[in-house]
C-alpha atoms as a PDB file:
ATOM      1  CA  UNK A   1      -0.064  -0.034  -0.270  1.00  0.00           C
ATOM      2  CA  UNK A   2       1.332   3.465  -0.834  1.00  0.00           C
ATOM      3  CA  UNK A   3       2.731   5.772   2.106  1.00  0.00           C
ATOM      4  CA  UNK A   4       0.607   8.847   2.164  1.00  0.00           C
ATOM      5  CA  UNK A   5       2.545  11.870   2.865  1.00  0.00           C
ATOM      6  CA  UNK A   6      -0.737  14.186   3.220  1.00  0.00           C
ATOM      7  CA  UNK A   7      -2.762  13.789   6.161  1.00  0.00           C
ATOM      8  CA  UNK A   8      -6.305  15.588   5.596  1.00  0.00           C
ATOM      9  CA  UNK A   9      -7.763  17.617   8.549  1.00  0.00           C
ATOM     10  CA  UNK A  10     -10.451  19.935   8.749  1.00  0.00           C
ATOM     11  CA  UNK A  11     -10.055  22.729  11.198  1.00  0.00           C
ATOM     12  CA  UNK A  12     -11.756  26.258  12.559  1.00  0.00           C
ATOM     13  CA  UNK A  13     -10.103  29.430  11.460  1.00  0.00           C
ATOM     14  CA  UNK A  14     -10.372  32.388  13.864  1.00  0.00           C
ATOM     15  CA  UNK A  15     -13.156  34.092  11.663  1.00  0.00           C
ATOM     16  CA  UNK A  16     -15.006  31.107  12.256  1.00  0.00           C
ATOM     17  CA  UNK A  17     -15.242  30.073   8.518  1.00  0.00           C
ATOM     18  CA  UNK A  18     -14.367  26.252   7.904  1.00  0.00           C
ATOM     19  CA  UNK A  19     -11.267  25.588   5.555  1.00  0.00           C
ATOM     20  CA  UNK A  20      -9.937  22.859   4.554  1.00  0.00           C
ATOM     21  CA  UNK A  21      -6.118  21.960   5.559  1.00  0.00           C
ATOM     22  CA  UNK A  22      -3.504  19.280   4.892  1.00  0.00           C
ATOM     23  CA  UNK A  23      -0.510  18.026   7.199  1.00  0.00           C
ATOM     24  CA  UNK A  24       2.605  18.283   5.790  1.00  0.00           C
ATOM     25  CA  UNK A  25       4.951  15.192   6.407  1.00  0.00           C
ATOM     26  CA  UNK A  26       8.321  14.172   4.410  1.00  0.00           C
ATOM     27  CA  UNK A  27       7.167  11.593   1.631  1.00  0.00           C
ATOM     28  CA  UNK A  28       9.490   9.334  -0.050  1.00  0.00           C
ATOM     29  CA  UNK A  29       9.823  10.327  -3.776  1.00  0.00           C
ATOM     30  CA  UNK A  30      11.715   8.521  -6.708  1.00  0.00           C
ATOM     31  CA  UNK A  31      14.808  10.429  -7.685  1.00  0.00           C
ATOM     32  CA  UNK A  32      15.238  10.509 -11.481  1.00  0.00           C
ATOM     33  CA  UNK A  33      18.230  10.725 -13.761  1.00  0.00           C
ATOM     34  CA  UNK A  34      18.025  11.777 -17.481  1.00  0.00           C
ATOM     35  CA  UNK A  35      20.518  10.229 -19.908  1.00  0.00           C
ATOM     36  CA  UNK A  36      20.622   9.614 -23.664  1.00  0.00           C
ATOM     37  CA  UNK A  37      19.766   6.506 -24.999  1.00  0.00           C
ATOM     38  CA  UNK A  38      20.017   5.105 -28.534  1.00  0.00           C
ATOM     39  CA  UNK A  39      17.484   2.904 -30.692  1.00  0.00           C
ATOM     40  CA  UNK A  40      19.308  -0.195 -31.413  1.00  0.00           C
ATOM     41  CA  UNK A  41      18.299  -3.421 -33.160  1.00  0.00           C
ATOM     42  CA  UNK A  42      18.786  -6.577 -31.415  1.00  0.00           C
ATOM     43  CA  UNK A  43      20.904  -8.554 -34.085  1.00  0.00           C
ATOM     44  CA  UNK A  44      22.764  -6.865 -37.256  1.00  0.00           C
ATOM     45  CA  UNK A  45      23.075  -9.732 -39.831  1.00  0.00           C
ATOM     46  CA  UNK A  46      25.097  -8.896 -43.085  1.00  0.00           C
ATOM     47  CA  UNK A  47      23.321 -10.318 -46.383  1.00  0.00           C
ATOM     48  CA  UNK A  48      26.409 -11.730 -47.980  1.00  0.00           C
ATOM     49  CA  UNK A  49      27.514 -12.719 -51.527  1.00  0.00           C
ATOM     50  CA  UNK A  50      27.948 -16.619 -51.624  1.00  0.00           C
ATOM     51  CA  UNK A  51      29.977 -16.277 -54.876  1.00  0.00           C
ATOM     52  CA  UNK A  52      32.332 -13.452 -56.591  1.00  0.00           C
ATOM     53  CA  UNK A  53      31.075 -11.519 -59.429  1.00  0.00           C
ATOM     54  CA  UNK A  54      29.315  -8.231 -60.759  1.00  0.00           C
ATOM     55  CA  UNK A  55      26.061  -7.099 -59.185  1.00  0.00           C
ATOM     56  CA  UNK A  56      23.687  -7.350 -61.919  1.00  0.00           C
ATOM     57  CA  UNK A  57      20.960  -6.514 -59.947  1.00  0.00           C
ATOM     58  CA  UNK A  58      20.148  -4.888 -56.285  1.00  0.00           C
ATOM     59  CA  UNK A  59      16.574  -4.812 -55.282  1.00  0.00           C
ATOM     60  CA  UNK A  60      16.576  -2.568 -52.109  1.00  0.00           C
ATOM     61  CA  UNK A  61      17.670   0.372 -50.451  1.00  0.00           C
ATOM     62  CA  UNK A  62      18.333   1.854 -46.735  1.00  0.00           C
ATOM     63  CA  UNK A  63      15.182   1.745 -44.772  1.00  0.00           C
ATOM     64  CA  UNK A  64      13.298  -1.178 -46.599  1.00  0.00           C
ATOM     65  CA  UNK A  65      11.384  -3.843 -44.797  1.00  0.00           C
ATOM     66  CA  UNK A  66      12.609  -7.466 -45.879  1.00  0.00           C
ATOM     67  CA  UNK A  67      11.753 -10.670 -44.744  1.00  0.00           C
ATOM     68  CA  UNK A  68      13.913 -13.888 -44.400  1.00  0.00           C
ATOM     69  CA  UNK A  69      14.587 -15.699 -47.765  1.00  0.00           C
ATOM     70  CA  UNK A  70      13.564 -12.749 -49.927  1.00  0.00           C
ATOM     71  CA  UNK A  71      15.671 -12.037 -52.694  1.00  0.00           C
ATOM     72  CA  UNK A  72      17.664  -8.889 -52.278  1.00  0.00           C
ATOM     73  CA  UNK A  73      20.101  -8.783 -55.616  1.00  0.00           C
ATOM     74  CA  UNK A  74      21.610 -11.048 -58.118  1.00  0.00           C
ATOM     75  CA  UNK A  75      25.551 -11.820 -58.375  1.00  0.00           C
ATOM     76  CA  UNK A  76      26.513 -12.896 -61.911  1.00  0.00           C
ATOM     77  CA  UNK A  77      29.603 -14.440 -62.742  1.00  0.00           C
ATOM     78  CA  UNK A  78      30.385 -15.218 -66.369  1.00  0.00           C
ATOM     79  CA  UNK A  79      33.068 -17.719 -66.111  1.00  0.00           C
ATOM     80  CA  UNK A  80      30.750 -20.062 -64.643  1.00  0.00           C
ATOM     81  CA  UNK A  81      28.574 -20.138 -67.526  1.00  0.00           C
ATOM     82  CA  UNK A  82      31.470 -21.131 -69.867  1.00  0.00           C
ATOM     83  CA  UNK A  83      32.638 -23.773 -67.229  1.00  0.00           C
ATOM     84  CA  UNK A  84      29.293 -25.171 -67.761  1.00  0.00           C
ATOM     85  CA  UNK A  85      29.362 -24.795 -71.600  1.00  0.00           C
ATOM     86  CA  UNK A  86      32.716 -26.730 -71.532  1.00  0.00           C
ATOM     87  CA  UNK A  87      31.350 -29.285 -69.626  1.00  0.00           C
ATOM     88  CA  UNK A  88      28.084 -29.585 -71.436  1.00  0.00           C
ATOM     89  CA  UNK A  89      30.657 -30.282 -74.710  1.00  0.00           C
ATOM     90  CA  UNK A  90      32.402 -32.776 -72.993  1.00  0.00           C
ATOM     91  CA  UNK A  91      29.332 -34.685 -71.858  1.00  0.00           C
ATOM     92  CA  UNK A  92      28.218 -34.614 -75.669  1.00  0.00           C
ATOM     93  CA  UNK A  93      31.631 -36.308 -76.517  1.00  0.00           C
ATOM     94  CA  UNK A  94      31.620 -38.830 -73.834  1.00  0.00           C
ATOM     95  CA  UNK A  95      28.047 -39.842 -74.921  1.00  0.00           C
ATOM     96  CA  UNK A  96      29.316 -40.528 -78.434  1.00  0.00           C
ATOM     97  CA  UNK A  97      32.171 -42.149 -76.901  1.00  0.00           C
ATOM     98  CA  UNK A  98      29.913 -44.569 -74.919  1.00  0.00           C
ATOM     99  CA  UNK A  99      28.098 -45.489 -77.933  1.00  0.00           C
ATOM    100  CA  UNK A 100      31.187 -46.136 -79.887  1.00  0.00           C
ATOM    101  CA  UNK A 101      32.330 -48.440 -76.480  1.00  0.00           C
ATOM    102  CA  UNK A 102      29.010 -50.298 -76.233  1.00  0.00           C
ATOM    103  CA  UNK A 103      28.979 -50.932 -80.125  1.00  0.00           C
ATOM    104  CA  UNK A 104      32.551 -52.287 -79.652  1.00  0.00           C
ATOM    105  CA  UNK A 105      31.526 -54.680 -77.242  1.00  0.00           C
ATOM    106  CA  UNK A 106      28.175 -56.211 -78.683  1.00  0.00           C
ATOM    107  CA  UNK A 107      30.219 -56.617 -82.063  1.00  0.00           C
ATOM    108  CA  UNK A 108      33.018 -58.492 -79.670  1.00  0.00           C
ATOM    109  CA  UNK A 109      30.474 -60.481 -78.297  1.00  0.00           C
ATOM    110  CA  UNK A 110      29.550 -61.717 -81.584  1.00  0.00           C
ATOM    111  CA  UNK A 111      32.965 -62.468 -82.592  1.00  0.00           C
ATOM    112  CA  UNK A 112      33.598 -64.453 -79.361  1.00  0.00           C
ATOM    113  CA  UNK A 113      30.837 -66.716 -80.480  1.00  0.00           C
ATOM    114  CA  UNK A 114      32.365 -67.202 -83.727  1.00  0.00           C
ATOM    115  CA  UNK A 115      35.677 -67.687 -81.921  1.00  0.00           C
ATOM    116  CA  UNK A 116      37.531 -64.831 -83.622  1.00  0.00           C
ATOM    117  CA  UNK A 117      38.238 -62.737 -80.716  1.00  0.00           C
ATOM    118  CA  UNK A 118      39.399 -63.806 -77.266  1.00  0.00           C
ATOM    119  CA  UNK A 119      37.860 -63.139 -73.973  1.00  0.00           C
ATOM    120  CA  UNK A 120      40.300 -61.194 -72.885  1.00  0.00           C
ATOM    121  CA  UNK A 121      39.664 -58.788 -75.541  1.00  0.00           C
ATOM    122  CA  UNK A 122      35.802 -58.781 -74.706  1.00  0.00           C
ATOM    123  CA  UNK A 123      36.816 -57.800 -70.838  1.00  0.00           C
ATOM    124  CA  UNK A 124      38.716 -54.994 -72.010  1.00  0.00           C
ATOM    125  CA  UNK A 125      35.955 -53.559 -74.248  1.00  0.00           C
ATOM    126  CA  UNK A 126      33.746 -54.118 -71.287  1.00  0.00           C
ATOM    127  CA  UNK A 127      36.210 -51.876 -69.320  1.00  0.00           C
ATOM    128  CA  UNK A 128      35.741 -48.984 -71.887  1.00  0.00           C
ATOM    129  CA  UNK A 129      32.176 -49.043 -71.395  1.00  0.00           C
ATOM    130  CA  UNK A 130      32.702 -48.999 -67.551  1.00  0.00           C
ATOM    131  CA  UNK A 131      34.979 -46.330 -67.999  1.00  0.00           C
ATOM    132  CA  UNK A 132      33.360 -44.016 -69.897  1.00  0.00           C
ATOM    133  CA  UNK A 133      30.136 -44.424 -68.031  1.00  0.00           C
ATOM    134  CA  UNK A 134      31.986 -43.476 -64.848  1.00  0.00           C
ATOM    135  CA  UNK A 135      33.475 -40.249 -66.986  1.00  0.00           C
ATOM    136  CA  UNK A 136      30.031 -39.444 -67.796  1.00  0.00           C
ATOM    137  CA  UNK A 137      28.923 -39.561 -64.077  1.00  0.00           C
ATOM    138  CA  UNK A 138      31.762 -37.681 -63.104  1.00  0.00           C
ATOM    139  CA  UNK A 139      31.418 -35.019 -65.633  1.00  0.00           C
ATOM    140  CA  UNK A 140      27.782 -34.592 -64.589  1.00  0.00           C
ATOM    141  CA  UNK A 141      28.920 -34.074 -61.022  1.00  0.00           C
ATOM    142  CA  UNK A 142      31.179 -31.438 -61.769  1.00  0.00           C
ATOM    143  CA  UNK A 143      28.309 -29.877 -63.851  1.00  0.00           C
ATOM    144  CA  UNK A 144      25.990 -29.955 -61.014  1.00  0.00           C
ATOM    145  CA  UNK A 145      28.603 -28.164 -58.617  1.00  0.00           C
ATOM    146  CA  UNK A 146      28.631 -25.271 -61.135  1.00  0.00           C
ATOM    147  CA  UNK A 147      25.072 -25.117 -61.666  1.00  0.00           C
ATOM    148  CA  UNK A 148      24.756 -24.893 -57.644  1.00  0.00           C
ATOM    149  CA  UNK A 149      27.355 -22.299 -57.555  1.00  0.00           C
ATOM    150  CA  UNK A 150      25.160 -20.411 -60.227  1.00  0.00           C
ATOM    151  CA  UNK A 151      22.251 -20.431 -58.327  1.00  0.00           C
ATOM    152  CA  UNK A 152      24.026 -19.061 -55.286  1.00  0.00           C
ATOM    153  CA  UNK A 153      24.470 -15.937 -57.186  1.00  0.00           C
ATOM    154  CA  UNK A 154      20.997 -14.795 -55.729  1.00  0.00           C
ATOM    155  CA  UNK A 155      21.452 -12.671 -52.855  1.00  0.00           C
ATOM    156  CA  UNK A 156      18.860 -13.398 -49.864  1.00  0.00           C
ATOM    157  CA  UNK A 157      17.750 -12.051 -46.568  1.00  0.00           C
ATOM    158  CA  UNK A 158      19.096 -14.056 -43.928  1.00  0.00           C
ATOM    159  CA  UNK A 159      16.436 -12.739 -41.457  1.00  0.00           C
ATOM    160  CA  UNK A 160      13.166 -10.512 -40.961  1.00  0.00           C
ATOM    161  CA  UNK A 161      13.956  -6.908 -40.400  1.00  0.00           C
ATOM    162  CA  UNK A 162      14.979  -3.573 -41.610  1.00  0.00           C
ATOM    163  CA  UNK A 163      17.715  -2.678 -44.166  1.00  0.00           C
ATOM    164  CA  UNK A 164      20.488  -0.317 -42.346  1.00  0.00           C
ATOM    165  CA  UNK A 165      23.062  -0.137 -44.859  1.00  0.00           C
ATOM    166  CA  UNK A 166      23.970  -1.442 -48.451  1.00  0.00           C
ATOM    167  CA  UNK A 167      27.720  -0.955 -49.155  1.00  0.00           C
ATOM    168  CA  UNK A 168      27.434  -2.398 -52.772  1.00  0.00           C
ATOM    169  CA  UNK A 169      25.994  -1.003 -55.847  1.00  0.00           C
ATOM    170  CA  UNK A 170      24.647  -2.263 -59.037  1.00  0.00           C
ATOM    171  CA  UNK A 171      27.356  -3.192 -61.403  1.00  0.00           C
ATOM    172  CA  UNK A 172      30.074  -3.407 -58.431  1.00  0.00           C
ATOM    173  CA  UNK A 173      32.468  -6.367 -58.485  1.00  0.00           C
ATOM    174  CA  UNK A 174      32.310  -8.229 -55.117  1.00  0.00           C
ATOM    175  CA  UNK A 175      34.184 -11.127 -53.852  1.00  0.00           C
ATOM    176  CA  UNK A 176      32.476 -14.264 -52.173  1.00  0.00           C
ATOM    177  CA  UNK A 177      31.711 -13.471 -48.728  1.00  0.00           C
ATOM    178  CA  UNK A 178      31.493  -9.803 -49.191  1.00  0.00           C
ATOM    179  CA  UNK A 179      28.335  -7.943 -47.523  1.00  0.00           C
ATOM    180  CA  UNK A 180      25.832  -6.488 -49.909  1.00  0.00           C
ATOM    181  CA  UNK A 181      23.535  -5.061 -47.256  1.00  0.00           C
ATOM    182  CA  UNK A 182      23.447  -5.298 -43.361  1.00  0.00           C
ATOM    183  CA  UNK A 183      19.840  -5.967 -41.556  1.00  0.00           C
ATOM    184  CA  UNK A 184      18.749  -5.187 -38.342  1.00  0.00           C
ATOM    185  CA  UNK A 185      16.597  -7.961 -36.828  1.00  0.00           C
ATOM    186  CA  UNK A 186      15.553  -9.713 -33.972  1.00  0.00           C
ATOM    187  CA  UNK A 187      13.416  -6.648 -32.688  1.00  0.00           C
ATOM    188  CA  UNK A 188      14.341  -2.706 -31.356  1.00  0.00           C
ATOM    189  CA  UNK A 189      15.072  -1.997 -27.892  1.00  0.00           C
ATOM    190  CA  UNK A 190      16.875   1.298 -26.077  1.00  0.00           C
ATOM    191  CA  UNK A 191      20.354   0.789 -24.945  1.00  0.00           C
ATOM    192  CA  UNK A 192      21.543   3.496 -22.294  1.00  0.00           C
ATOM    193  CA  UNK A 193      24.702   3.969 -20.491  1.00  0.00           C
ATOM    194  CA  UNK A 194      24.479   5.203 -16.672  1.00  0.00           C
ATOM    195  CA  UNK A 195      27.311   6.605 -14.726  1.00  0.00           C
ATOM    196  CA  UNK A 196      28.781   3.884 -12.438  1.00  0.00           C
ATOM    197  CA  UNK A 197      28.215   5.573  -9.299  1.00  0.00           C
ATOM    198  CA  UNK A 198      24.597   4.950 -10.003  1.00  0.00           C
ATOM    199  CA  UNK A 199      25.167   1.090 -10.495  1.00  0.00           C
ATOM    200  CA  UNK A 200      24.048   0.166  -7.178  1.00  0.00           C
ATOM    201  CA  UNK A 201      20.749   1.579  -7.596  1.00  0.00           C
ATOM    202  CA  UNK A 202      19.657   0.114 -11.058  1.00  0.00           C
ATOM    203  CA  UNK A 203      17.205  -2.837 -10.868  1.00  0.00           C
ATOM    204  CA  UNK A 204      16.180  -4.879 -13.574  1.00  0.00           C
ATOM    205  CA  UNK A 205      12.470  -4.331 -14.513  1.00  0.00           C
ATOM    206  CA  UNK A 206      12.093  -1.023 -12.990  1.00  0.00           C
ATOM    207  CA  UNK A 207       9.766   1.720 -14.942  1.00  0.00           C
ATOM    208  CA  UNK A 208      11.861   3.938 -17.318  1.00  0.00           C
ATOM    209  CA  UNK A 209      10.265   7.048 -18.476  1.00  0.00           C
ATOM    210  CA  UNK A 210      10.623   7.911 -22.088  1.00  0.00           C
ATOM    211  CA  UNK A 211      10.182  11.333 -23.615  1.00  0.00           C
ATOM    212  CA  UNK A 212       9.119  10.682 -27.213  1.00  0.00           C
ATOM    213  CA  UNK A 213       7.582  13.633 -29.543  1.00  0.00           C
ATOM    214  CA  UNK A 214       7.043  15.587 -26.557  1.00  0.00           C
ATOM    215  CA  UNK A 215       4.742  12.775 -24.751  1.00  0.00           C
ATOM    216  CA  UNK A 216       5.643  10.629 -21.755  1.00  0.00           C
ATOM    217  CA  UNK A 217       6.030   7.006 -22.875  1.00  0.00           C
ATOM    218  CA  UNK A 218       6.893   4.095 -20.602  1.00  0.00           C
ATOM    219  CA  UNK A 219       9.481   1.319 -20.846  1.00  0.00           C
ATOM    220  CA  UNK A 220      10.988  -1.593 -18.542  1.00  0.00           C
ATOM    221  CA  UNK A 221      14.748  -1.800 -17.823  1.00  0.00           C
ATOM    222  CA  UNK A 222      15.272  -5.330 -19.252  1.00  0.00           C
ATOM    223  CA  UNK A 223      18.906  -5.939 -18.773  1.00  0.00           C
ATOM    224  CA  UNK A 224      21.935  -4.614 -16.939  1.00  0.00           C
ATOM    225  CA  UNK A 225      25.205  -5.739 -18.248  1.00  0.00           C
ATOM    226  CA  UNK A 226      27.982  -6.572 -15.851  1.00  0.00           C
ATOM    227  CA  UNK A 227      30.908  -4.958 -17.546  1.00  0.00           C
ATOM    228  CA  UNK A 228      31.188  -1.353 -17.093  1.00  0.00           C
ATOM    229  CA  UNK A 229      32.614   0.239 -20.129  1.00  0.00           C
ATOM    230  CA  UNK A 230      34.612   4.009 -19.744  1.00  0.00           C
ATOM    231  CA  UNK A 231      32.757   4.705 -16.406  1.00  0.00           C
ATOM    232  CA  UNK A 232      29.322   3.766 -17.158  1.00  0.00           C
ATOM    233  CA  UNK A 233      26.776   1.292 -16.850  1.00  0.00           C
ATOM    234  CA  UNK A 234      25.267  -0.574 -20.117  1.00  0.00           C
ATOM    235  CA  UNK A 235      21.495  -1.554 -19.818  1.00  0.00           C
ATOM    236  CA  UNK A 236      18.679  -2.167 -22.341  1.00  0.00           C
ATOM    237  CA  UNK A 237      15.359  -1.182 -21.983  1.00  0.00           C
ATOM    238  CA  UNK A 238      12.268  -2.720 -23.704  1.00  0.00           C
ATOM    239  CA  UNK A 239       9.429   0.086 -24.996  1.00  0.00           C
ATOM    240  CA  UNK A 240       6.262  -0.954 -26.349  1.00  0.00           C
ATOM    241  CA  UNK A 241       5.676   0.609 -30.015  1.00  0.00           C
ATOM    242  CA  UNK A 242       9.037   1.784 -30.112  1.00  0.00           C
ATOM    243  CA  UNK A 243       9.593   4.478 -33.131  1.00  0.00           C
ATOM    244  CA  UNK A 244      12.154   2.658 -35.515  1.00  0.00           C
ATOM    245  CA  UNK A 245      12.388   4.766 -38.310  1.00  0.00           C
ATOM    246  CA  UNK A 246      15.593   5.644 -37.088  1.00  0.00           C
ATOM    247  CA  UNK A 247      18.044   3.318 -35.880  1.00  0.00           C
ATOM    248  CA  UNK A 248      20.730   4.870 -33.428  1.00  0.00           C
ATOM    249  CA  UNK A 249      18.613   7.922 -32.764  1.00  0.00           C
ATOM    250  CA  UNK A 250      18.901   9.457 -29.432  1.00  0.00           C
ATOM    251  CA  UNK A 251      15.726   9.731 -27.105  1.00  0.00           C
ATOM    252  CA  UNK A 252      15.878  11.454 -23.580  1.00  0.00           C
ATOM    253  CA  UNK A 253      15.569   8.762 -20.865  1.00  0.00           C
ATOM    254  CA  UNK A 254      14.804   9.124 -17.264  1.00  0.00           C
ATOM    255  CA  UNK A 255      16.302   6.424 -15.197  1.00  0.00           C
ATOM    256  CA  UNK A 256      15.218   5.769 -11.616  1.00  0.00           C
ATOM    257  CA  UNK A 257      18.410   6.153  -9.388  1.00  0.00           C
ATOM    258  CA  UNK A 258      17.095   6.075  -6.086  1.00  0.00           C
ATOM    259  CA  UNK A 259      14.545   7.403  -3.580  1.00  0.00           C
ATOM    260  CA  UNK A 260      14.891  10.764  -1.046  1.00  0.00           C
ATOM    261  CA  UNK A 261      12.108  12.433   1.263  1.00  0.00           C
ATOM    262  CA  UNK A 262      10.763  15.608   0.320  1.00  0.00           C
ATOM    263  CA  UNK A 263       7.736  17.874   1.469  1.00  0.00           C
ATOM    264  CA  UNK A 264       5.097  17.864  -0.786  1.00  0.00           C
ATOM    265  CA  UNK A 265       2.060  20.488  -1.386  1.00  0.00           C
ATOM    266  CA  UNK A 266      -0.824  20.632  -3.505  1.00  0.00           C
ATOM    267  CA  UNK A 267      -0.275  22.722  -6.672  1.00  0.00           C
ATOM    268  CA  UNK A 268      -4.031  24.167  -5.810  1.00  0.00           C
ATOM    269  CA  UNK A 269      -2.525  25.696  -2.475  1.00  0.00           C
ATOM    270  CA  UNK A 270       0.158  27.821  -4.519  1.00  0.00           C
ATOM    271  CA  UNK A 271       0.026  31.654  -4.456  1.00  0.00           C
ATOM    272  CA  UNK A 272       2.126  33.308  -7.351  1.00  0.00           C
ATOM    273  CA  UNK A 273       2.396  37.202  -6.776  1.00  0.00           C
ATOM    274  CA  UNK A 274       5.031  39.349  -8.726  1.00  0.00           C
ATOM    275  CA  UNK A 275       7.145  36.291  -9.342  1.00  0.00           C
ATOM    276  CA  UNK A 276       7.473  35.213  -5.641  1.00  0.00           C
ATOM    277  CA  UNK A 277       5.393  31.910  -4.492  1.00  0.00           C
ATOM    278  CA  UNK A 278       3.665  31.687  -1.400  1.00  0.00           C
ATOM    279  CA  UNK A 279       1.536  29.153   0.439  1.00  0.00           C
ATOM    280  CA  UNK A 280      -1.116  29.654   3.284  1.00  0.00           C
ATOM    281  CA  UNK A 281      -0.644  27.914   6.619  1.00  0.00           C
ATOM    282  CA  UNK A 282      -1.794  27.918   9.817  1.00  0.00           C
ATOM    283  CA  UNK A 283       0.002  29.481  12.721  1.00  0.00           C
ATOM    284  CA  UNK A 284      -0.245  28.584  16.386  1.00  0.00           C
ATOM    285  CA  UNK A 285      -3.184  30.545  16.971  1.00  0.00           C
ATOM    286  CA  UNK A 286      -5.254  28.981  14.146  1.00  0.00           C
ATOM    287  CA  UNK A 287      -4.698  32.119  11.885  1.00  0.00           C
ATOM    288  CA  UNK A 288      -4.061  31.726   8.031  1.00  0.00           C
ATOM    289  CA  UNK A 289      -0.758  33.242   7.191  1.00  0.00           C
ATOM    290  CA  UNK A 290       1.177  33.554   3.884  1.00  0.00           C
ATOM    291  CA  UNK A 291       4.531  32.012   4.051  1.00  0.00           C
ATOM    292  CA  UNK A 292       7.109  32.550   1.156  1.00  0.00           C
ATOM    293  CA  UNK A 293       8.505  29.361  -0.258  1.00  0.00           C
ATOM    294  CA  UNK A 294      10.720  28.040  -2.969  1.00  0.00           C
ATOM    295  CA  UNK A 295       9.331  25.114  -4.882  1.00  0.00           C
ATOM    296  CA  UNK A 296      10.875  22.389  -6.623  1.00  0.00           C
ATOM    297  CA  UNK A 297       9.600  20.484  -9.695  1.00  0.00           C
ATOM    298  CA  UNK A 298       5.672  19.385 -10.355  1.00  0.00           C
ATOM    299  CA  UNK A 299       5.490  15.683  -9.780  1.00  0.00           C
ATOM    300  CA  UNK A 300       3.763  12.976 -12.196  1.00  0.00           C
ATOM    301  CA  UNK A 301       2.807   9.541 -11.516  1.00  0.00           C
ATOM    302  CA  UNK A 302       1.867   8.523  -8.068  1.00  0.00           C
ATOM    303  CA  UNK A 303       2.336  12.123  -6.920  1.00  0.00           C
ATOM    304  CA  UNK A 304       0.136  13.866  -9.613  1.00  0.00           C
ATOM    305  CA  UNK A 305      -0.846  17.173  -8.659  1.00  0.00           C
ATOM    306  CA  UNK A 306       1.848  17.795  -5.947  1.00  0.00           C
ATOM    307  CA  UNK A 307       4.892  20.305  -6.181  1.00  0.00           C
ATOM    308  CA  UNK A 308       7.985  19.672  -3.957  1.00  0.00           C
ATOM    309  CA  UNK A 309       8.682  22.526  -1.475  1.00  0.00           C
ATOM    310  CA  UNK A 310      12.568  23.086  -1.317  1.00  0.00           C
ATOM    311  CA  UNK A 311      12.053  25.702   1.549  1.00  0.00           C
ATOM    312  CA  UNK A 312       9.376  27.714   3.255  1.00  0.00           C
ATOM    313  CA  UNK A 313       7.608  24.667   4.985  1.00  0.00           C
ATOM    314  CA  UNK A 314       8.321  22.247   7.658  1.00  0.00           C
ATOM    315  CA  UNK A 315       7.066  18.708   8.783  1.00  0.00           C
ATOM    316  CA  UNK A 316       3.716  19.199  10.516  1.00  0.00           C
ATOM    317  CA  UNK A 317       2.464  22.423   9.007  1.00  0.00           C
ATOM    318  CA  UNK A 318      -1.004  22.504   8.236  1.00  0.00           C
ATOM    319  CA  UNK A 319      -1.209  23.898   4.506  1.00  0.00           C
ATOM    320  CA  UNK A 320      -4.497  25.585   3.882  1.00  0.00           C
ATOM    321  CA  UNK A 321      -6.341  24.847   0.756  1.00  0.00           C
ATOM    322  CA  UNK A 322      -8.420  27.379  -1.379  1.00  0.00           C
END
């Protein structure tokens, strides 16, 4: 149950009229630290060219949304097509050679029955047929390898996400494994760096206030990294409906770094005159008098409608409400 810092009481003023008053007592409030956070993707996956060659087609640009397996471009290596043509010619020659060897073997069988050739010669003709067949199988396997390499010229997206960079361009010559695009995938989050003196106050699951386009949005501290970098603690914040139009965009974030005691007064009880702030309080005689105060920030959330009073009030003072 939330601690209430202000106790409502109804007292009679000296003139006999009834006025509502509040008893001021110290209240525990959350202290916030404003830091800059960056919009980052969980994973940055490069879409690489699997073969070397010339980029014939490039169908993406920075900012595009892609899905896993989507075609991003096409790389063509003309040498592969020439090698396939050479193997096709070898296969044609081997097919003719196989037909000749099979005909020689059939003729040898006939001559063997007539006693013209020996069985040793017939075995040699049979071996020629098997060798030619194996050469055809080997050449077909080499052609299948080249055909597979040719099909690998299609560049596909490795994961769903947004295209962050496209370092290559159409007509450029690239090497195998060279990235054609980088894709941010796995969702987006905020990464922030907090000074290490506040490391002990950070807790996973804490609510984070995020200022987005002038409005207050909320987030949750999802992960705190144990390694301190350059005197700062790195943490990740999950935000619903995070604007991901610009990756690495900086957003102002308020992080809870602890609690402290403060005196709070309702904003409706504040009186401002000639640039000076006053609050009406009851003195010992029960008479309402104006007291000069120095105010802090207006509070939101749990203490909506309250203002911190830095000086001018003490615990136990009775504030007169309008």
